Amino acid sequence: MPHIRVTLRGRNKPTTKTFKARASTIEGIITEMNMNPQEVLVKLNSEFVPDTERVRKGDRLELLEITSRG
């Protein structure tokens, strides 16, 4: 189980925490965080990647919440 540093950027100010993931894919981590994978853009180590990408110990994951205004 890797320890991943996760930064969430969205409606509120950015928050960063270290997360002990049970899953090995970004999609699994997003689900573990009780988020919808279809509502975030994903950056892994500063590069945009699909949520099917695998994570490793020490990776930096940034989740950018997609917001819409009507």
PDB file of N, CA and C in Angstrom:
ATOM      1  N   MET A   1       0.844  -1.186   0.000  1.00  0.00           N
ATOM      2  CA  MET A   1       0.000   0.000   0.000  1.00  0.00           C
ATOM      3  C   MET A   1       0.889   1.248   0.000  1.00  0.00           C
ATOM      4  N   PRO A   2       0.885   1.971  -1.110  1.00  0.00           N
ATOM      5  CA  PRO A   2       1.753   3.152  -1.170  1.00  0.00           C
ATOM      6  C   PRO A   2       1.193   4.344  -0.407  1.00  0.00           C
ATOM      7  N   HIS A   3       2.095   5.184   0.075  1.00  0.00           N
ATOM      8  CA  HIS A   3       1.708   6.479   0.653  1.00  0.00           C
ATOM      9  C   HIS A   3       1.801   7.493  -0.474  1.00  0.00           C
ATOM     10  N   ILE A   4       0.725   8.180  -0.756  1.00  0.00           N
ATOM     11  CA  ILE A   4       0.643   9.123  -1.859  1.00  0.00           C
ATOM     12  C   ILE A   4       0.304  10.498  -1.312  1.00  0.00           C
ATOM     13  N   ARG A   5       1.021  11.518  -1.778  1.00  0.00           N
ATOM     14  CA  ARG A   5       0.668  12.896  -1.410  1.00  0.00           C
ATOM     15  C   ARG A   5      -0.388  13.387  -2.380  1.00  0.00           C
ATOM     16  N   VAL A   6      -1.560  13.726  -1.860  1.00  0.00           N
ATOM     17  CA  VAL A   6      -2.694  14.136  -2.684  1.00  0.00           C
ATOM     18  C   VAL A   6      -3.023  15.596  -2.401  1.00  0.00           C
ATOM     19  N   THR A   7      -3.117  16.403  -3.466  1.00  0.00           N
ATOM     20  CA  THR A   7      -3.565  17.783  -3.368  1.00  0.00           C
ATOM     21  C   THR A   7      -4.894  17.884  -4.093  1.00  0.00           C
ATOM     22  N   LEU A   8      -5.883  18.409  -3.409  1.00  0.00           N
ATOM     23  CA  LEU A   8      -7.208  18.596  -4.003  1.00  0.00           C
ATOM     24  C   LEU A   8      -7.434  20.080  -4.224  1.00  0.00           C
ATOM     25  N   ARG A   9      -7.664  20.456  -5.455  1.00  0.00           N
ATOM     26  CA  ARG A   9      -7.950  21.852  -5.802  1.00  0.00           C
ATOM     27  C   ARG A   9      -9.374  21.923  -6.325  1.00  0.00           C
ATOM     28  N   GLY A  10     -10.169  22.770  -5.693  1.00  0.00           N
ATOM     29  CA  GLY A  10     -11.568  22.881  -6.091  1.00  0.00           C
ATOM     30  C   GLY A  10     -12.179  24.162  -5.610  1.00  0.00           C
ATOM     31  N   ARG A  11     -13.432  24.065  -5.199  1.00  0.00           N
ATOM     32  CA  ARG A  11     -14.168  25.250  -4.748  1.00  0.00           C
ATOM     33  C   ARG A  11     -13.538  25.895  -3.524  1.00  0.00           C
ATOM     34  N   ASN A  12     -13.056  25.078  -2.621  1.00  0.00           N
ATOM     35  CA  ASN A  12     -12.388  25.589  -1.421  1.00  0.00           C
ATOM     36  C   ASN A  12     -10.907  25.758  -1.732  1.00  0.00           C
ATOM     37  N   LYS A  13     -10.176  26.359  -0.806  1.00  0.00           N
ATOM     38  CA  LYS A  13      -8.745  26.518  -1.062  1.00  0.00           C
ATOM     39  C   LYS A  13      -8.083  25.139  -1.121  1.00  0.00           C
ATOM     40  N   PRO A  14      -6.953  25.045  -1.811  1.00  0.00           N
ATOM     41  CA  PRO A  14      -6.311  23.732  -1.970  1.00  0.00           C
ATOM     42  C   PRO A  14      -5.950  23.093  -0.633  1.00  0.00           C
ATOM     43  N   THR A  15      -6.116  21.796  -0.567  1.00  0.00           N
ATOM     44  CA  THR A  15      -5.723  21.036   0.610  1.00  0.00           C
ATOM     45  C   THR A  15      -4.773  19.929   0.176  1.00  0.00           C
ATOM     46  N   THR A  16      -3.776  19.657   0.986  1.00  0.00           N
ATOM     47  CA  THR A  16      -2.808  18.610   0.685  1.00  0.00           C
ATOM     48  C   THR A  16      -2.724  17.684   1.883  1.00  0.00           C
ATOM     49  N   LYS A  17      -2.706  16.383   1.598  1.00  0.00           N
ATOM     50  CA  LYS A  17      -2.524  15.418   2.675  1.00  0.00           C
ATOM     51  C   LYS A  17      -1.839  14.186   2.124  1.00  0.00           C
ATOM     52  N   THR A  18      -1.227  13.424   3.006  1.00  0.00           N
ATOM     53  CA  THR A  18      -0.644  12.146   2.624  1.00  0.00           C
ATOM     54  C   THR A  18      -1.703  11.084   2.853  1.00  0.00           C
ATOM     55  N   PHE A  19      -1.907  10.266   1.862  1.00  0.00           N
ATOM     56  CA  PHE A  19      -2.986   9.302   1.867  1.00  0.00           C
ATOM     57  C   PHE A  19      -2.397   7.905   1.728  1.00  0.00           C
ATOM     58  N   LYS A  20      -2.757   7.005   2.630  1.00  0.00           N
ATOM     59  CA  LYS A  20      -2.321   5.614   2.529  1.00  0.00           C
ATOM     60  C   LYS A  20      -3.343   4.872   1.677  1.00  0.00           C
ATOM     61  N   ALA A  21      -2.988   4.656   0.443  1.00  0.00           N
ATOM     62  CA  ALA A  21      -3.926   4.079  -0.521  1.00  0.00           C
ATOM     63  C   ALA A  21      -3.982   2.561  -0.426  1.00  0.00           C
ATOM     64  N   ARG A  22      -5.182   2.036  -0.543  1.00  0.00           N
ATOM     65  CA  ARG A  22      -5.360   0.587  -0.669  1.00  0.00           C
ATOM     66  C   ARG A  22      -5.318   0.201  -2.137  1.00  0.00           C
ATOM     67  N   ALA A  23      -5.761   1.114  -2.988  1.00  0.00           N
ATOM     68  CA  ALA A  23      -5.819   0.865  -4.427  1.00  0.00           C
ATOM     69  C   ALA A  23      -4.474   1.181  -5.070  1.00  0.00           C
ATOM     70  N   SER A  24      -4.255   0.615  -6.252  1.00  0.00           N
ATOM     71  CA  SER A  24      -3.003   0.872  -6.956  1.00  0.00           C
ATOM     72  C   SER A  24      -3.207   1.753  -8.187  1.00  0.00           C
ATOM     73  N   THR A  25      -4.469   2.117  -8.480  1.00  0.00           N
ATOM     74  CA  THR A  25      -4.732   3.010  -9.604  1.00  0.00           C
ATOM     75  C   THR A  25      -5.315   4.323  -9.084  1.00  0.00           C
ATOM     76  N   ILE A  26      -5.190   5.349  -9.897  1.00  0.00           N
ATOM     77  CA  ILE A  26      -5.717   6.654  -9.502  1.00  0.00           C
ATOM     78  C   ILE A  26      -7.229   6.576  -9.337  1.00  0.00           C
ATOM     79  N   GLU A  27      -7.903   5.886 -10.232  1.00  0.00           N
ATOM     80  CA  GLU A  27      -9.359   5.753 -10.136  1.00  0.00           C
ATOM     81  C   GLU A  27      -9.757   5.120  -8.804  1.00  0.00           C
ATOM     82  N   GLY A  28      -9.026   4.110  -8.373  1.00  0.00           N
ATOM     83  CA  GLY A  28      -9.301   3.467  -7.094  1.00  0.00           C
ATOM     84  C   GLY A  28      -9.089   4.403  -5.919  1.00  0.00           C
ATOM     85  N   ILE A  29      -8.042   5.224  -5.990  1.00  0.00           N
ATOM     86  CA  ILE A  29      -7.773   6.190  -4.923  1.00  0.00           C
ATOM     87  C   ILE A  29      -8.882   7.226  -4.861  1.00  0.00           C
ATOM     88  N   ILE A  30      -9.311   7.721  -6.022  1.00  0.00           N
ATOM     89  CA  ILE A  30     -10.394   8.702  -6.063  1.00  0.00           C
ATOM     90  C   ILE A  30     -11.653   8.123  -5.445  1.00  0.00           C
ATOM     91  N   THR A  31     -11.949   6.880  -5.752  1.00  0.00           N
ATOM     92  CA  THR A  31     -13.119   6.208  -5.190  1.00  0.00           C
ATOM     93  C   THR A  31     -12.968   6.044  -3.676  1.00  0.00           C
ATOM     94  N   GLU A  32     -11.748   5.680  -3.212  1.00  0.00           N
ATOM     95  CA  GLU A  32     -11.493   5.561  -1.770  1.00  0.00           C
ATOM     96  C   GLU A  32     -11.724   6.878  -1.046  1.00  0.00           C
ATOM     97  N   MET A  33     -11.509   7.989  -1.755  1.00  0.00           N
ATOM     98  CA  MET A  33     -11.690   9.313  -1.159  1.00  0.00           C
ATOM     99  C   MET A  33     -13.147   9.778  -1.257  1.00  0.00           C
ATOM    100  N   ASN A  34     -14.036   8.872  -1.669  1.00  0.00           N
ATOM    101  CA  ASN A  34     -15.462   9.170  -1.820  1.00  0.00           C
ATOM    102  C   ASN A  34     -15.727  10.297  -2.812  1.00  0.00           C
ATOM    103  N   MET A  35     -14.984  10.280  -3.910  1.00  0.00           N
ATOM    104  CA  MET A  35     -15.164  11.259  -4.970  1.00  0.00           C
ATOM    105  C   MET A  35     -15.570  10.528  -6.242  1.00  0.00           C
ATOM    106  N   ASN A  36     -16.162  11.261  -7.161  1.00  0.00           N
ATOM    107  CA  ASN A  36     -16.553  10.716  -8.446  1.00  0.00           C
ATOM    108  C   ASN A  36     -15.398  10.927  -9.432  1.00  0.00           C
ATOM    109  N   PRO A  37     -14.825   9.851  -9.997  1.00  0.00           N
ATOM    110  CA  PRO A  37     -13.715   9.999 -10.934  1.00  0.00           C
ATOM    111  C   PRO A  37     -14.050  10.851 -12.165  1.00  0.00           C
ATOM    112  N   GLN A  38     -15.325  10.980 -12.483  1.00  0.00           N
ATOM    113  CA  GLN A  38     -15.724  11.776 -13.648  1.00  0.00           C
ATOM    114  C   GLN A  38     -15.803  13.268 -13.335  1.00  0.00           C
ATOM    115  N   GLU A  39     -15.557  13.650 -12.087  1.00  0.00           N
ATOM    116  CA  GLU A  39     -15.659  15.056 -11.690  1.00  0.00           C
ATOM    117  C   GLU A  39     -14.311  15.684 -11.355  1.00  0.00           C
ATOM    118  N   VAL A  40     -13.211  15.007 -11.732  1.00  0.00           N
ATOM    119  CA  VAL A  40     -11.882  15.559 -11.474  1.00  0.00           C
ATOM    120  C   VAL A  40     -10.958  15.349 -12.671  1.00  0.00           C
ATOM    121  N   LEU A  41     -10.016  16.269 -12.833  1.00  0.00           N
ATOM    122  CA  LEU A  41      -8.896  16.084 -13.753  1.00  0.00           C
ATOM    123  C   LEU A  41      -7.728  15.634 -12.900  1.00  0.00           C
ATOM    124  N   VAL A  42      -6.858  14.822 -13.467  1.00  0.00           N
ATOM    125  CA  VAL A  42      -5.801  14.202 -12.679  1.00  0.00           C
ATOM    126  C   VAL A  42      -4.420  14.592 -13.196  1.00  0.00           C
ATOM    127  N   LYS A  43      -3.566  15.015 -12.258  1.00  0.00           N
ATOM    128  CA  LYS A  43      -2.160  15.245 -12.565  1.00  0.00           C
ATOM    129  C   LYS A  43      -1.348  14.329 -11.653  1.00  0.00           C
ATOM    130  N   LEU A  44      -0.448  13.582 -12.239  1.00  0.00           N
ATOM    131  CA  LEU A  44       0.436  12.702 -11.485  1.00  0.00           C
ATOM    132  C   LEU A  44       1.859  13.185 -11.719  1.00  0.00           C
ATOM    133  N   ASN A  45       2.534  13.591 -10.651  1.00  0.00           N
ATOM    134  CA  ASN A  45       3.893  14.129 -10.756  1.00  0.00           C
ATOM    135  C   ASN A  45       3.963  15.260 -11.782  1.00  0.00           C
ATOM    136  N   SER A  46       2.985  16.166 -11.714  1.00  0.00           N
ATOM    137  CA  SER A  46       2.903  17.385 -12.531  1.00  0.00           C
ATOM    138  C   SER A  46       2.502  17.174 -13.985  1.00  0.00           C
ATOM    139  N   GLU A  47       2.063  15.984 -14.363  1.00  0.00           N
ATOM    140  CA  GLU A  47       1.613  15.724 -15.734  1.00  0.00           C
ATOM    141  C   GLU A  47       0.186  15.202 -15.718  1.00  0.00           C
ATOM    142  N   PHE A  48      -0.629  15.692 -16.664  1.00  0.00           N
ATOM    143  CA  PHE A  48      -1.993  15.184 -16.784  1.00  0.00           C
ATOM    144  C   PHE A  48      -1.945  13.740 -17.264  1.00  0.00           C
ATOM    145  N   VAL A  49      -2.698  12.876 -16.591  1.00  0.00           N
ATOM    146  CA  VAL A  49      -2.725  11.447 -16.924  1.00  0.00           C
ATOM    147  C   VAL A  49      -4.162  10.933 -16.798  1.00  0.00           C
ATOM    148  N   PRO A  50      -4.474   9.793 -17.436  1.00  0.00           N
ATOM    149  CA  PRO A  50      -5.800   9.191 -17.244  1.00  0.00           C
ATOM    150  C   PRO A  50      -5.885   8.565 -15.853  1.00  0.00           C
ATOM    151  N   ASP A  51      -7.107   8.395 -15.369  1.00  0.00           N
ATOM    152  CA  ASP A  51      -7.266   7.846 -14.013  1.00  0.00           C
ATOM    153  C   ASP A  51      -6.983   6.351 -13.940  1.00  0.00           C
ATOM    154  N   THR A  52      -6.671   5.733 -15.066  1.00  0.00           N
ATOM    155  CA  THR A  52      -6.310   4.310 -15.070  1.00  0.00           C
ATOM    156  C   THR A  52      -4.824   4.100 -14.759  1.00  0.00           C
ATOM    157  N   GLU A  53      -4.098   5.194 -14.649  1.00  0.00           N
ATOM    158  CA  GLU A  53      -2.650   5.138 -14.373  1.00  0.00           C
ATOM    159  C   GLU A  53      -2.390   4.542 -12.992  1.00  0.00           C
ATOM    160  N   ARG A  54      -1.321   3.760 -12.873  1.00  0.00           N
ATOM    161  CA  ARG A  54      -0.933   3.184 -11.584  1.00  0.00           C
ATOM    162  C   ARG A  54      -0.100   4.192 -10.794  1.00  0.00           C
ATOM    163  N   VAL A  55      -0.191   4.101  -9.478  1.00  0.00           N
ATOM    164  CA  VAL A  55       0.593   4.976  -8.607  1.00  0.00           C
ATOM    165  C   VAL A  55       1.643   4.152  -7.872  1.00  0.00           C
ATOM    166  N   ARG A  56       2.714   4.853  -7.503  1.00  0.00           N
ATOM    167  CA  ARG A  56       3.801   4.214  -6.768  1.00  0.00           C
ATOM    168  C   ARG A  56       4.122   5.043  -5.525  1.00  0.00           C
ATOM    169  N   LYS A  57       4.810   4.430  -4.616  1.00  0.00           N
ATOM    170  CA  LYS A  57       5.213   5.114  -3.382  1.00  0.00           C
ATOM    171  C   LYS A  57       5.960   6.398  -3.739  1.00  0.00           C
ATOM    172  N   GLY A  58       5.578   7.491  -3.079  1.00  0.00           N
ATOM    173  CA  GLY A  58       6.240   8.768  -3.289  1.00  0.00           C
ATOM    174  C   GLY A  58       5.660   9.616  -4.405  1.00  0.00           C
ATOM    175  N   ASP A  59       4.700   9.089  -5.174  1.00  0.00           N
ATOM    176  CA  ASP A  59       4.072   9.877  -6.237  1.00  0.00           C
ATOM    177  C   ASP A  59       3.306  11.050  -5.648  1.00  0.00           C
ATOM    178  N   ARG A  60       3.193  12.118  -6.434  1.00  0.00           N
ATOM    179  CA  ARG A  60       2.390  13.289  -6.060  1.00  0.00           C
ATOM    180  C   ARG A  60       1.175  13.324  -6.972  1.00  0.00           C
ATOM    181  N   LEU A  61       0.016  13.253  -6.380  1.00  0.00           N
ATOM    182  CA  LEU A  61      -1.242  13.233  -7.114  1.00  0.00           C
ATOM    183  C   LEU A  61      -1.980  14.537  -6.865  1.00  0.00           C
ATOM    184  N   GLU A  62      -2.412  15.181  -7.946  1.00  0.00           N
ATOM    185  CA  GLU A  62      -3.176  16.420  -7.830  1.00  0.00           C
ATOM    186  C   GLU A  62      -4.515  16.214  -8.510  1.00  0.00           C
ATOM    187  N   LEU A  63      -5.589  16.457  -7.771  1.00  0.00           N
ATOM    188  CA  LEU A  63      -6.946  16.306  -8.292  1.00  0.00           C
ATOM    189  C   LEU A  63      -7.559  17.688  -8.450  1.00  0.00           C
ATOM    190  N   LEU A  64      -7.974  18.011  -9.652  1.00  0.00           N
ATOM    191  CA  LEU A  64      -8.571  19.309  -9.952  1.00  0.00           C
ATOM    192  C   LEU A  64     -10.065  19.102 -10.144  1.00  0.00           C
ATOM    193  N   GLU A  65     -10.839  19.592  -9.194  1.00  0.00           N
ATOM    194  CA  GLU A  65     -12.291  19.427  -9.242  1.00  0.00           C
ATOM    195  C   GLU A  65     -12.877  20.210 -10.411  1.00  0.00           C
ATOM    196  N   ILE A  66     -13.702  19.559 -11.201  1.00  0.00           N
ATOM    197  CA  ILE A  66     -14.374  20.218 -12.316  1.00  0.00           C
ATOM    198  C   ILE A  66     -15.642  20.863 -11.754  1.00  0.00           C
ATOM    199  N   THR A  67     -15.761  22.154 -11.940  1.00  0.00           N
ATOM    200  CA  THR A  67     -16.954  22.849 -11.476  1.00  0.00           C
ATOM    201  C   THR A  67     -17.634  23.498 -12.671  1.00  0.00           C
ATOM    202  N   SER A  68     -18.940  23.559 -12.609  1.00  0.00           N
ATOM    203  CA  SER A  68     -19.682  24.226 -13.684  1.00  0.00           C
ATOM    204  C   SER A  68     -20.555  25.288 -13.051  1.00  0.00           C
ATOM    205  N   ARG A  69     -20.736  26.315 -13.788  1.00  0.00           N
ATOM    206  CA  ARG A  69     -21.592  27.410 -13.310  1.00  0.00           C
ATOM    207  C   ARG A  69     -22.691  27.610 -14.347  1.00  0.00           C
ATOM    208  N   GLY A  70     -23.890  27.727 -13.861  1.00  0.00           N
ATOM    209  CA  GLY A  70     -24.992  27.806 -14.806  1.00  0.00           C
ATOM    210  C   GLY A  70     -25.705  29.096 -14.838  1.00  0.00           C
TER     211      GLY A  70
END
